[in-house]
């Protein structure tokens, strides 16, 4: 009886191994030969599933997105927003590997039209995913103006991207506890900005009377 091969699973396995190779060696050094060696197969087997290294990296990014979405979606229903969003930070080996791949990918985006399209799609998916987290974590979310919600969402993503880049560049400076504490502070500042009415005033395009200094500093903290 012929062996049944789960091709989708095999593609995911290769993509995951590619993540490890990219995280360890960088994009340029993550050759198909090196990926095949790490996967314990031939380059011909890799070519059976992917036409180019770029295709492997795109598959790896899609896999990472699915893994992050599963973690965020399947988190304990009682989990607070900080716990939820910490799932997207490079706080352990698995998440660090994922973030290192993102950093390597971002370095390639400016020169590749196809990767720009992929990046735009991935960014849209992250906006959708993180918006669900904010709506779940902040009960007032739907009551805030749409423009304020958009600012909050993009600020959170920008902050997480910044922590990701800083941690990948200098991991010793950004242990998990520091990442989480900084995210906690950022969420508190953003929530205070929106709850104080500054977010509503910003959405209307004018500062609240008597609070221009505080609104300005809060807006700077929340801008993306």
Protein backbone atom coordinates (compact mmCIF):
# COMPACT_ATOMS: atom_id res chain seq x y z
CA UNK A 1 0.00 0.00 0.00
CA UNK A 2 1.56 3.35 -1.01
CA UNK A 3 2.49 5.74 1.78
CA UNK A 4 0.07 8.65 2.11
CA UNK A 5 1.89 11.96 2.35
CA UNK A 6 0.24 14.98 3.93
CA UNK A 7 1.66 17.61 1.59
CA UNK A 8 0.31 20.60 3.49
CA UNK A 9 1.85 19.34 6.68
CA UNK A 10 5.14 18.73 4.88
CA UNK A 11 5.10 22.29 3.51
CA UNK A 12 4.54 23.62 7.02
CA UNK A 13 7.40 21.49 8.36
CA UNK A 14 9.78 22.89 5.74
CA UNK A 15 8.54 26.42 6.41
CA UNK A 16 9.11 25.98 10.16
CA UNK A 17 12.62 24.68 9.59
CA UNK A 18 13.26 27.64 7.30
CA UNK A 19 12.23 29.91 10.19
CA UNK A 20 14.91 28.35 12.39
CA UNK A 21 17.55 28.65 9.69
CA UNK A 22 16.71 32.29 8.97
CA UNK A 23 16.67 33.12 12.70
CA UNK A 24 20.08 31.50 13.15
CA UNK A 25 21.87 32.57 9.96
CA UNK A 26 19.95 35.53 8.52
CA UNK A 27 18.08 35.81 5.23
CA UNK A 28 21.03 35.81 2.84
CA UNK A 29 22.72 32.81 4.45
CA UNK A 30 19.48 30.82 4.67
CA UNK A 31 20.12 29.03 1.38
CA UNK A 32 17.92 26.25 0.05
CA UNK A 33 20.87 23.88 0.54
CA UNK A 34 21.09 24.87 4.22
CA UNK A 35 17.33 24.58 4.68
CA UNK A 36 17.33 21.14 3.03
CA UNK A 37 20.19 19.99 5.24
CA UNK A 38 18.36 21.18 8.36
CA UNK A 39 15.20 19.41 7.17
CA UNK A 40 17.10 16.18 6.51
CA UNK A 41 16.07 16.06 2.86
CA UNK A 42 17.39 16.88 -0.59
CA UNK A 43 17.13 20.18 -2.41
CA UNK A 44 15.00 18.29 -4.92
CA UNK A 45 12.47 17.57 -2.19
CA UNK A 46 12.41 21.27 -1.28
CA UNK A 47 11.91 22.13 -4.96
CA UNK A 48 8.92 19.78 -5.05
CA UNK A 49 7.11 22.10 -2.64
CA UNK A 50 8.64 25.51 -3.34
CA UNK A 51 9.95 27.15 -6.49
CA UNK A 52 12.24 29.67 -4.78
CA UNK A 53 13.64 30.59 -1.38
CA UNK A 54 11.32 33.58 -1.42
CA UNK A 55 8.36 31.20 -1.66
CA UNK A 56 9.66 29.35 1.41
CA UNK A 57 9.97 32.59 3.39
CA UNK A 58 6.46 33.70 2.43
CA UNK A 59 5.13 30.30 3.53
CA UNK A 60 7.07 30.70 6.79
CA UNK A 61 5.51 34.11 7.42
CA UNK A 62 2.02 32.78 6.79
CA UNK A 63 2.76 29.93 9.20
CA UNK A 64 3.97 32.37 11.86
CA UNK A 65 0.81 34.44 11.44
CA UNK A 66 -1.33 31.32 11.93
CA UNK A 67 0.63 30.34 15.03
CA UNK A 68 0.30 33.82 16.55
CA UNK A 69 -3.41 33.93 15.74
CA UNK A 70 -3.91 30.55 17.39
CA UNK A 71 -2.14 31.72 20.54
CA UNK A 72 -4.11 34.96 20.71
CA UNK A 73 -7.44 33.37 19.82
CA UNK A 74 -7.16 30.31 22.03
CA UNK A 75 -5.80 32.10 25.09
CA UNK A 76 -7.65 31.62 28.34
CA UNK A 77 -10.96 33.45 28.15
CA UNK A 78 -10.10 35.19 31.43
CA UNK A 79 -6.75 36.45 30.12
CA UNK A 80 -6.30 40.21 30.38
CA UNK A 81 -5.08 42.37 27.50
CA UNK A 82 -1.46 42.40 28.70
CA UNK A 83 -1.36 38.62 28.80
CA UNK A 84 -2.98 38.41 25.38
CA UNK A 85 -0.64 40.82 23.63
CA UNK A 86 2.44 39.40 25.34
CA UNK A 87 1.88 36.37 23.12
CA UNK A 88 3.13 38.49 20.20
CA UNK A 89 6.39 39.50 21.93
CA UNK A 90 9.69 37.58 21.60
CA UNK A 91 9.55 36.42 25.22
CA UNK A 92 10.70 32.82 24.67
CA UNK A 93 12.64 30.80 22.11
CA UNK A 94 9.67 30.10 19.83
CA UNK A 95 8.52 33.69 19.74
CA UNK A 96 12.09 34.97 19.39
CA UNK A 97 12.57 32.76 16.35
CA UNK A 98 9.35 34.05 14.81
CA UNK A 99 10.35 37.66 15.41
CA UNK A 100 13.84 37.12 13.99
CA UNK A 101 12.22 35.88 10.77
CA UNK A 102 10.03 39.00 10.65
CA UNK A 103 13.10 41.19 11.01
CA UNK A 104 14.90 39.36 8.21
CA UNK A 105 11.82 39.67 6.02
CA UNK A 106 11.43 43.39 6.64
CA UNK A 107 15.00 43.87 5.46
CA UNK A 108 14.05 42.44 2.07
CA UNK A 109 10.74 44.26 1.58
CA UNK A 110 11.98 47.60 0.12
CA UNK A 111 13.65 45.93 -2.86
CA UNK A 112 10.97 43.41 -3.82
CA UNK A 113 7.58 44.35 -5.27
CA UNK A 114 6.08 40.97 -4.45
CA UNK A 115 7.27 41.14 -0.86
CA UNK A 116 5.73 44.60 -0.54
CA UNK A 117 2.37 43.11 -1.48
CA UNK A 118 2.86 40.25 0.96
CA UNK A 119 3.84 42.70 3.69
CA UNK A 120 0.74 44.83 3.03
CA UNK A 121 -1.48 41.74 3.33
CA UNK A 122 0.25 40.59 6.52
CA UNK A 123 -0.05 44.06 8.04
CA UNK A 124 -3.78 44.07 7.29
CA UNK A 125 -4.15 40.67 8.98
CA UNK A 126 -2.29 41.89 12.04
CA UNK A 127 -4.52 44.95 12.27
CA UNK A 128 -7.56 42.67 12.22
CA UNK A 129 -6.09 40.30 14.81
CA UNK A 130 -4.91 42.95 17.26
CA UNK A 131 -8.18 44.88 16.97
CA UNK A 132 -9.98 41.78 18.19
CA UNK A 133 -7.61 41.63 21.16
CA UNK A 134 -8.17 45.29 22.05
CA UNK A 135 -11.94 44.91 21.76
CA UNK A 136 -11.77 41.86 24.02
CA UNK A 137 -9.48 43.50 26.56
CA UNK A 138 -10.98 46.98 26.79
CA UNK A 139 -14.72 47.03 27.49
CA UNK A 140 -14.99 50.67 26.39
CA UNK A 141 -13.46 49.94 22.97
CA UNK A 142 -16.67 50.21 20.95
CA UNK A 143 -17.66 53.45 22.67
CA UNK A 144 -14.52 55.29 21.61
CA UNK A 145 -14.55 57.17 18.27
CA UNK A 146 -13.38 55.19 15.24
CA UNK A 147 -10.46 57.54 14.66
CA UNK A 148 -9.29 57.11 18.25
CA UNK A 149 -9.57 53.33 17.98
CA UNK A 150 -7.48 53.43 14.81
CA UNK A 151 -4.80 55.50 16.57
CA UNK A 152 -4.78 53.12 19.52
CA UNK A 153 -4.55 50.05 17.30
CA UNK A 154 -1.68 51.39 15.22
CA UNK A 155 0.13 52.61 18.32
CA UNK A 156 -0.01 49.15 19.89
CA UNK A 157 1.28 47.49 16.73
CA UNK A 158 4.02 50.09 16.31
CA UNK A 159 5.10 49.57 19.91
CA UNK A 160 5.18 45.78 19.60
CA UNK A 161 7.15 46.07 16.36
CA UNK A 162 9.62 48.35 18.13
CA UNK A 163 10.11 45.95 21.03
CA UNK A 164 10.48 43.12 18.53
CA UNK A 165 13.22 44.96 16.61
CA UNK A 166 15.01 45.99 19.81
CA UNK A 167 14.95 42.47 21.23
CA UNK A 168 16.20 40.81 18.05
CA UNK A 169 18.97 43.42 17.76
CA UNK A 170 20.00 43.22 21.43
CA UNK A 171 18.39 40.31 23.20
CA UNK A 172 20.34 40.68 26.44
CA UNK A 173 18.94 44.19 26.88
CA UNK A 174 15.35 43.01 26.51
CA UNK A 175 14.55 40.04 28.77
CA UNK A 176 10.94 38.89 28.84
CA UNK A 177 10.17 40.75 32.08
CA UNK A 178 11.28 44.08 30.60
CA UNK A 179 9.28 43.54 27.41
CA UNK A 180 6.12 42.78 29.35
CA UNK A 181 6.60 45.66 31.78
CA UNK A 182 7.09 48.14 28.94
CA UNK A 183 4.00 46.80 27.17
CA UNK A 184 2.02 47.16 30.41
CA UNK A 185 3.10 50.80 30.69
CA UNK A 186 2.24 51.51 27.05
CA UNK A 187 -1.22 49.99 27.40
CA UNK A 188 -1.88 51.99 30.57
CA UNK A 189 -0.86 55.24 28.85
CA UNK A 190 -2.96 54.54 25.79
CA UNK A 191 -5.98 53.52 27.85
CA UNK A 192 -5.68 56.66 29.98
CA UNK A 193 -5.38 58.79 26.83
CA UNK A 194 -8.58 57.33 25.38
CA UNK A 195 -10.53 57.24 28.64
CA UNK A 196 -9.73 60.82 29.65
CA UNK A 197 -11.54 62.18 26.63
CA UNK A 198 -8.32 63.17 24.88
CA UNK A 199 -8.96 60.49 22.29
CA UNK A 200 -12.43 61.87 21.61
CA UNK A 201 -11.07 65.40 21.28
CA UNK A 202 -8.34 64.20 18.94
CA UNK A 203 -10.94 62.43 16.82
CA UNK A 204 -12.82 65.73 16.52
CA UNK A 205 -9.62 67.53 15.59
CA UNK A 206 -9.44 69.87 18.60
CA UNK A 207 -7.92 69.80 22.12
CA UNK A 208 -10.16 69.89 25.16
CA UNK A 209 -10.35 73.25 26.93
CA UNK A 210 -7.77 73.64 29.68
CA UNK A 211 -5.97 70.40 28.89
CA UNK A 212 -3.89 71.25 25.83
CA UNK A 213 -0.55 70.39 27.45
CA UNK A 214 -1.66 66.98 28.74
CA UNK A 215 -3.49 66.14 25.54
CA UNK A 216 -0.42 66.98 23.48
CA UNK A 217 1.89 64.77 25.54
CA UNK A 218 -0.63 61.93 25.56
CA UNK A 219 -1.05 62.16 21.81
CA UNK A 220 2.70 61.94 21.34
CA UNK A 221 2.78 58.78 23.44
CA UNK A 222 -0.07 57.26 21.45
CA UNK A 223 0.90 58.30 17.92
CA UNK A 224 1.97 55.60 15.48
